[in-house]
N, C-alpha and C. Protein backbone atom coordinates (compact mmCIF):
# COMPACT_ATOMS: atom_id res chain seq x y z
N MET A 1 -100.52 -98.54 -32.01
CA MET A 1 -101.07 -97.55 -33.08
C MET A 1 -101.72 -98.37 -34.05
N ARG A 2 -100.95 -99.42 -34.50
CA ARG A 2 -101.57 -100.21 -35.66
C ARG A 2 -102.74 -100.88 -35.21
N THR A 3 -102.77 -101.35 -34.03
CA THR A 3 -104.03 -102.09 -33.55
C THR A 3 -105.27 -101.05 -33.54
N ILE A 4 -105.04 -99.97 -33.20
CA ILE A 4 -106.18 -98.90 -33.04
C ILE A 4 -106.52 -98.68 -34.39
N CYS A 5 -105.64 -98.54 -35.45
CA CYS A 5 -106.06 -98.29 -36.91
C CYS A 5 -106.82 -99.39 -37.29
N LEU A 6 -106.31 -100.63 -37.08
CA LEU A 6 -107.13 -101.80 -37.54
C LEU A 6 -108.53 -101.96 -36.97
N LEU A 7 -108.63 -101.63 -35.69
CA LEU A 7 -109.90 -101.45 -35.16
C LEU A 7 -110.89 -100.64 -35.73
N LEU A 8 -110.40 -99.48 -35.83
CA LEU A 8 -111.17 -98.31 -36.58
C LEU A 8 -111.57 -98.75 -37.93
N CYS A 9 -110.65 -99.36 -38.71
CA CYS A 9 -110.93 -99.90 -40.03
C CYS A 9 -112.07 -100.83 -39.95
N VAL A 10 -111.95 -101.88 -39.03
CA VAL A 10 -113.13 -102.77 -39.04
C VAL A 10 -114.51 -102.15 -38.61
N ILE A 11 -114.44 -101.26 -37.78
CA ILE A 11 -115.57 -100.44 -37.29
C ILE A 11 -116.19 -99.68 -38.31
N PHE A 12 -115.37 -98.94 -39.02
CA PHE A 12 -115.90 -97.84 -40.10
C PHE A 12 -115.85 -98.48 -41.45
N GLY A 13 -115.37 -99.63 -41.68
CA GLY A 13 -115.35 -100.27 -42.95
C GLY A 13 -114.20 -99.75 -44.02
N GLN A 14 -113.27 -99.09 -43.43
CA GLN A 14 -112.17 -98.62 -44.35
C GLN A 14 -111.15 -99.79 -44.38
N SER A 15 -110.32 -99.68 -45.53
CA SER A 15 -109.24 -100.69 -45.58
C SER A 15 -108.08 -100.20 -44.82
N ALA A 16 -107.19 -100.99 -44.22
CA ALA A 16 -106.17 -100.77 -43.38
C ALA A 16 -105.09 -99.87 -44.10
N ILE A 17 -104.97 -99.98 -45.44
CA ILE A 17 -103.96 -99.32 -46.09
C ILE A 17 -104.41 -97.87 -46.09
N GLN A 18 -105.82 -97.62 -46.43
CA GLN A 18 -106.33 -96.29 -46.46
C GLN A 18 -106.14 -95.50 -45.15
N ALA A 19 -106.32 -96.35 -44.08
CA ALA A 19 -106.32 -95.67 -42.68
C ALA A 19 -104.97 -95.32 -42.48
N GLN A 20 -103.92 -96.14 -42.64
CA GLN A 20 -102.60 -95.91 -42.26
C GLN A 20 -101.97 -94.70 -43.11
N THR A 21 -102.35 -94.63 -44.30
CA THR A 21 -101.80 -93.60 -45.19
C THR A 21 -102.48 -92.28 -44.93
N SER A 22 -103.57 -92.14 -44.33
CA SER A 22 -104.31 -90.99 -43.92
C SER A 22 -103.93 -90.43 -42.72
N ILE A 23 -103.25 -91.15 -41.88
CA ILE A 23 -102.70 -90.55 -40.58
C ILE A 23 -101.40 -89.84 -40.71
N PRO A 24 -101.38 -88.54 -40.56
CA PRO A 24 -100.09 -87.82 -40.70
C PRO A 24 -99.13 -88.23 -39.65
N GLU A 25 -97.76 -88.33 -39.98
CA GLU A 25 -96.87 -88.51 -38.84
C GLU A 25 -96.52 -87.23 -38.28
N ILE A 26 -96.50 -87.40 -36.87
CA ILE A 26 -96.28 -86.08 -36.10
C ILE A 26 -94.85 -85.90 -35.51
N GLN A 27 -94.25 -84.87 -35.98
CA GLN A 27 -92.80 -84.76 -35.53
C GLN A 27 -92.80 -84.01 -34.23
N PRO A 28 -91.91 -84.49 -33.31
CA PRO A 28 -91.83 -83.58 -32.07
C PRO A 28 -91.08 -82.19 -32.31
N PRO A 29 -91.45 -81.26 -31.49
CA PRO A 29 -90.82 -79.83 -31.75
C PRO A 29 -89.39 -80.10 -31.54
N GLU A 30 -88.59 -79.09 -32.39
CA GLU A 30 -87.24 -79.40 -32.44
C GLU A 30 -86.45 -79.24 -31.09
N GLU A 31 -87.00 -78.37 -30.12
CA GLU A 31 -86.28 -78.29 -28.97
C GLU A 31 -86.52 -79.57 -27.98
N ALA A 32 -87.44 -80.35 -28.39
CA ALA A 32 -87.65 -81.70 -27.65
C ALA A 32 -86.78 -82.81 -28.03
N VAL A 33 -86.09 -82.50 -29.16
CA VAL A 33 -85.28 -83.53 -29.80
C VAL A 33 -83.89 -83.43 -29.01
N SER A 34 -83.46 -84.50 -28.40
CA SER A 34 -82.27 -84.45 -27.67
C SER A 34 -81.04 -84.38 -28.71
N LYS A 35 -80.11 -83.55 -28.50
CA LYS A 35 -78.90 -83.47 -29.34
C LYS A 35 -77.90 -84.25 -28.58
N THR A 36 -77.61 -85.44 -29.06
CA THR A 36 -76.62 -86.35 -28.55
C THR A 36 -75.29 -86.13 -28.91
N THR A 37 -74.25 -86.01 -27.97
CA THR A 37 -72.94 -86.06 -28.31
C THR A 37 -72.25 -87.53 -28.17
N ALA A 38 -71.17 -87.60 -28.89
CA ALA A 38 -70.41 -88.72 -28.77
C ALA A 38 -69.61 -88.96 -27.48
N SER A 39 -69.51 -90.20 -26.95
CA SER A 39 -68.83 -90.44 -25.76
C SER A 39 -67.89 -91.57 -25.94
N PHE A 40 -66.63 -91.38 -25.61
CA PHE A 40 -65.45 -92.30 -25.72
C PHE A 40 -64.86 -92.66 -24.42
N ASN A 41 -64.39 -93.90 -24.25
CA ASN A 41 -63.68 -94.24 -23.06
C ASN A 41 -62.21 -94.33 -23.49
N LEU A 42 -61.44 -93.63 -22.57
CA LEU A 42 -59.96 -93.78 -22.68
C LEU A 42 -59.52 -94.77 -21.68
N THR A 43 -58.69 -95.82 -22.22
CA THR A 43 -58.12 -96.78 -21.34
C THR A 43 -56.74 -96.94 -21.44
N ALA A 44 -56.06 -97.71 -20.58
CA ALA A 44 -54.67 -97.94 -20.61
C ALA A 44 -54.48 -99.49 -20.67
N ALA A 45 -53.51 -99.94 -21.37
CA ALA A 45 -53.17 -101.40 -21.54
C ALA A 45 -51.78 -101.47 -21.52
N CYS A 46 -51.29 -102.59 -20.85
CA CYS A 46 -49.77 -102.99 -20.66
C CYS A 46 -49.56 -104.12 -21.40
N PHE A 47 -48.44 -104.03 -22.23
CA PHE A 47 -47.96 -105.25 -22.98
C PHE A 47 -47.54 -106.27 -21.93
N ALA A 48 -48.09 -107.48 -22.24
CA ALA A 48 -47.78 -108.67 -21.25
C ALA A 48 -46.50 -109.36 -21.73
N ASP A 49 -45.80 -109.10 -22.70
CA ASP A 49 -44.63 -109.87 -23.07
C ASP A 49 -43.43 -109.58 -22.45
N ASN A 50 -43.43 -108.44 -21.72
CA ASN A 50 -42.14 -108.15 -21.01
C ASN A 50 -42.45 -107.41 -19.61
N ILE A 51 -42.64 -108.38 -18.58
CA ILE A 51 -43.05 -108.10 -17.40
C ILE A 51 -42.05 -107.04 -16.53
N GLU A 52 -40.77 -107.32 -17.00
CA GLU A 52 -39.55 -106.62 -16.28
C GLU A 52 -39.58 -105.13 -16.75
N LYS A 53 -39.95 -104.82 -17.88
CA LYS A 53 -39.93 -103.49 -18.51
C LYS A 53 -41.37 -103.28 -19.14
N ARG A 54 -42.15 -102.83 -18.21
CA ARG A 54 -43.53 -102.44 -18.58
C ARG A 54 -43.73 -101.34 -19.59
N GLU A 55 -44.53 -101.75 -20.68
CA GLU A 55 -44.71 -100.71 -21.54
C GLU A 55 -46.25 -100.53 -21.85
N TRP A 56 -46.81 -99.24 -21.52
CA TRP A 56 -48.16 -98.92 -21.60
C TRP A 56 -48.51 -98.24 -22.91
N ILE A 57 -49.75 -98.45 -23.21
CA ILE A 57 -50.36 -97.51 -24.26
C ILE A 57 -51.81 -97.07 -23.80
N LEU A 58 -52.11 -95.99 -24.43
CA LEU A 58 -53.43 -95.38 -24.23
C LEU A 58 -54.26 -95.61 -25.37
N VAL A 59 -55.58 -96.14 -25.14
CA VAL A 59 -56.47 -96.58 -26.21
C VAL A 59 -57.68 -95.61 -26.18
N LEU A 60 -57.97 -95.05 -27.37
CA LEU A 60 -59.08 -94.24 -27.47
C LEU A 60 -59.65 -94.24 -28.87
N ASN A 61 -60.98 -94.77 -28.73
CA ASN A 61 -61.80 -94.98 -29.99
C ASN A 61 -61.05 -95.86 -31.01
N GLY A 62 -60.55 -96.97 -30.55
CA GLY A 62 -59.84 -98.02 -31.31
C GLY A 62 -58.46 -97.67 -31.71
N TRP A 63 -57.97 -96.52 -31.47
CA TRP A 63 -56.55 -96.16 -31.67
C TRP A 63 -55.61 -96.21 -30.51
N ALA A 64 -54.43 -96.64 -30.72
CA ALA A 64 -53.53 -96.84 -29.53
C ALA A 64 -52.42 -95.64 -29.65
N TYR A 65 -52.19 -95.13 -28.44
CA TYR A 65 -51.22 -94.05 -28.43
C TYR A 65 -50.05 -94.39 -27.30
N ARG A 66 -48.82 -94.19 -27.72
CA ARG A 66 -47.74 -94.64 -26.84
C ARG A 66 -47.57 -93.59 -25.73
N ASP A 67 -48.03 -92.43 -25.71
CA ASP A 67 -47.73 -91.48 -24.65
C ASP A 67 -48.80 -90.44 -24.66
N LEU A 68 -48.72 -89.62 -23.72
CA LEU A 68 -49.65 -88.37 -23.63
C LEU A 68 -49.42 -87.40 -24.83
N LYS A 69 -48.36 -87.20 -25.24
CA LYS A 69 -48.04 -86.37 -26.38
C LYS A 69 -48.74 -86.91 -27.61
N SER A 70 -48.70 -88.12 -27.97
CA SER A 70 -49.16 -88.72 -29.25
C SER A 70 -50.84 -88.68 -28.92
N LEU A 71 -51.34 -88.94 -27.73
CA LEU A 71 -52.75 -88.91 -27.48
C LEU A 71 -53.22 -87.48 -27.80
N LYS A 72 -52.55 -86.59 -27.41
CA LYS A 72 -53.03 -85.16 -27.39
C LYS A 72 -53.06 -84.87 -29.01
N ALA A 73 -52.21 -85.36 -29.91
CA ALA A 73 -52.29 -85.24 -31.29
C ALA A 73 -53.60 -85.92 -31.95
N GLY A 74 -53.82 -87.12 -31.29
CA GLY A 74 -55.11 -87.91 -31.60
C GLY A 74 -56.44 -87.17 -31.26
N LEU A 75 -56.26 -86.39 -30.39
CA LEU A 75 -57.49 -85.60 -29.86
C LEU A 75 -58.13 -84.80 -30.87
N THR A 76 -57.16 -84.18 -31.86
CA THR A 76 -57.56 -83.44 -32.93
C THR A 76 -58.52 -83.96 -33.98
N LYS A 77 -58.57 -85.33 -33.84
CA LYS A 77 -59.35 -85.97 -34.79
C LYS A 77 -60.62 -86.44 -34.33
N MET A 78 -61.00 -86.13 -32.94
CA MET A 78 -62.14 -86.52 -32.49
C MET A 78 -63.28 -85.52 -32.72
N PRO A 79 -64.51 -85.98 -32.76
CA PRO A 79 -65.70 -85.00 -33.02
C PRO A 79 -65.94 -84.03 -31.90
N LYS A 80 -66.11 -82.74 -32.42
CA LYS A 80 -66.10 -81.57 -31.47
C LYS A 80 -67.36 -82.00 -30.56
N GLY A 81 -67.34 -81.50 -29.24
CA GLY A 81 -68.39 -81.76 -28.47
C GLY A 81 -68.49 -83.09 -27.66
N SER A 82 -67.65 -83.93 -28.08
CA SER A 82 -67.47 -85.37 -27.72
C SER A 82 -67.09 -85.25 -26.23
N THR A 83 -67.39 -86.43 -25.46
CA THR A 83 -66.94 -86.57 -24.00
C THR A 83 -65.90 -87.65 -23.94
N ILE A 84 -64.79 -87.61 -23.33
CA ILE A 84 -63.88 -88.49 -23.30
C ILE A 84 -63.85 -88.80 -21.72
N THR A 85 -63.98 -90.21 -21.42
CA THR A 85 -64.04 -90.70 -20.02
C THR A 85 -62.87 -91.48 -19.65
N TRP A 86 -62.12 -90.99 -18.67
CA TRP A 86 -60.90 -91.67 -18.15
C TRP A 86 -61.20 -92.28 -16.78
N SER A 87 -61.10 -93.50 -16.68
CA SER A 87 -61.41 -94.13 -15.42
C SER A 87 -60.20 -95.04 -15.00
N ALA A 88 -59.36 -94.46 -14.13
CA ALA A 88 -58.08 -95.11 -13.82
C ALA A 88 -58.32 -96.34 -12.96
N SER A 89 -57.51 -97.24 -13.11
CA SER A 89 -57.57 -98.60 -12.47
C SER A 89 -57.23 -98.50 -10.97
N ASP A 90 -57.94 -99.38 -10.11
CA ASP A 90 -57.49 -99.43 -8.80
C ASP A 90 -56.32 -100.20 -8.59
N ALA A 91 -56.04 -101.21 -9.38
CA ALA A 91 -54.90 -101.96 -9.33
C ALA A 91 -53.76 -101.29 -9.97
N LYS A 92 -52.70 -100.95 -9.02
CA LYS A 92 -51.47 -100.30 -9.80
C LYS A 92 -50.41 -101.42 -9.80
N ILE A 93 -49.72 -101.43 -10.98
CA ILE A 93 -48.66 -102.44 -11.00
C ILE A 93 -47.36 -101.56 -11.36
N GLY A 94 -47.48 -100.34 -11.72
CA GLY A 94 -46.11 -99.63 -11.99
C GLY A 94 -46.12 -99.00 -13.34
N GLY A 95 -45.76 -97.76 -13.25
CA GLY A 95 -45.63 -97.05 -14.65
C GLY A 95 -46.80 -96.66 -15.47
N GLU A 96 -48.07 -96.78 -14.95
CA GLU A 96 -49.26 -96.37 -15.44
C GLU A 96 -49.31 -95.01 -16.09
N PRO A 97 -49.85 -94.86 -17.28
CA PRO A 97 -49.85 -93.44 -17.77
C PRO A 97 -51.01 -92.69 -17.04
N LEU A 98 -50.98 -91.33 -17.21
CA LEU A 98 -51.96 -90.42 -16.55
C LEU A 98 -52.26 -90.74 -15.14
N SER A 99 -51.05 -91.05 -14.43
CA SER A 99 -51.20 -91.33 -12.99
C SER A 99 -50.84 -90.14 -12.08
N THR A 100 -50.31 -88.93 -12.76
CA THR A 100 -50.04 -87.79 -11.96
C THR A 100 -51.14 -86.54 -12.21
N LYS A 101 -51.30 -85.79 -11.26
CA LYS A 101 -52.24 -84.70 -11.34
C LYS A 101 -51.75 -83.83 -12.59
N GLU A 102 -50.46 -83.68 -12.73
CA GLU A 102 -49.99 -82.78 -13.87
C GLU A 102 -50.45 -83.48 -15.25
N GLU A 103 -50.33 -84.67 -15.35
CA GLU A 103 -50.76 -85.36 -16.65
C GLU A 103 -52.21 -85.19 -16.88
N LEU A 104 -52.99 -85.19 -15.91
CA LEU A 104 -54.50 -85.19 -15.96
C LEU A 104 -54.83 -83.60 -16.40
N VAL A 105 -54.23 -82.80 -15.64
CA VAL A 105 -54.23 -81.32 -16.01
C VAL A 105 -53.99 -80.98 -17.48
N GLU A 106 -52.84 -81.60 -17.93
CA GLU A 106 -52.41 -81.47 -19.29
C GLU A 106 -53.45 -82.00 -20.35
N LEU A 107 -53.98 -83.21 -19.97
CA LEU A 107 -54.94 -83.86 -20.86
C LEU A 107 -56.28 -83.03 -20.81
N GLN A 108 -56.71 -82.49 -19.79
CA GLN A 108 -57.88 -81.73 -19.61
C GLN A 108 -57.85 -80.49 -20.50
N GLU A 109 -56.59 -79.88 -20.39
CA GLU A 109 -56.45 -78.72 -21.27
C GLU A 109 -56.28 -78.97 -22.72
N ALA A 110 -55.88 -80.09 -23.08
CA ALA A 110 -55.81 -80.52 -24.52
C ALA A 110 -57.35 -80.94 -25.04
N CYS A 111 -58.01 -81.44 -24.17
CA CYS A 111 -59.42 -81.73 -24.55
C CYS A 111 -60.19 -80.42 -24.72
N LYS A 112 -59.94 -79.56 -23.70
CA LYS A 112 -60.73 -78.30 -23.87
C LYS A 112 -60.34 -77.46 -25.09
N SER A 113 -59.06 -77.49 -25.44
CA SER A 113 -58.70 -76.72 -26.62
C SER A 113 -59.08 -77.29 -27.88
N ASN A 114 -59.48 -78.59 -27.89
CA ASN A 114 -60.02 -79.27 -29.15
C ASN A 114 -61.41 -79.38 -29.06
N GLY A 115 -62.18 -78.74 -28.24
CA GLY A 115 -63.62 -78.85 -28.14
C GLY A 115 -64.24 -80.02 -27.55
N LEU A 116 -63.52 -80.59 -26.69
CA LEU A 116 -64.00 -81.88 -25.98
C LEU A 116 -64.17 -81.67 -24.63
N SER A 117 -64.85 -82.38 -23.88
CA SER A 117 -64.92 -82.41 -22.43
C SER A 117 -64.25 -83.80 -21.82
N LEU A 118 -63.62 -83.65 -20.73
CA LEU A 118 -63.02 -84.79 -20.15
C LEU A 118 -63.73 -85.23 -18.86
N ARG A 119 -64.19 -86.34 -18.74
CA ARG A 119 -64.70 -86.86 -17.47
C ARG A 119 -63.82 -87.62 -16.75
N ILE A 120 -63.38 -87.37 -15.61
CA ILE A 120 -62.42 -88.27 -14.80
C ILE A 120 -63.16 -89.06 -13.86
N ILE A 121 -63.10 -90.42 -13.75
CA ILE A 121 -63.48 -91.16 -12.57
C ILE A 121 -62.31 -91.54 -11.85
N PRO A 122 -62.23 -91.06 -10.56
CA PRO A 122 -61.09 -91.42 -9.83
C PRO A 122 -60.97 -92.87 -9.48
N ALA A 123 -59.84 -93.45 -9.43
CA ALA A 123 -59.61 -94.85 -8.93
C ALA A 123 -60.04 -94.98 -7.48
N GLY A 124 -60.39 -96.18 -7.01
CA GLY A 124 -60.54 -96.31 -5.68
C GLY A 124 -61.88 -96.33 -5.40
């Protein structure tokens, strides 16, 4: 756009500043502007200091939660309309959180009641 303005300035003898300030900025129609929502990844991490007794945490948006109950409380602080993505790991070592259908249904209901959507990517 600037190249075209400069070429026009040279051809018609106007200064570049005059040409640039005289061109109105065109805004797209409101319906064409995409309304983006926030997206967050939910991950699980295992503490490596005690292999015999594995302790897992759930991590969402930089915050760690010890269990599903505390994660559900944390969901209340997420922006409404956001999408939470849970992608379970293929490698199972035992005791992983959110590994049962019941836990996933409970998480999905908690997301829905807080105005969030849950995207589950199955392991495997």
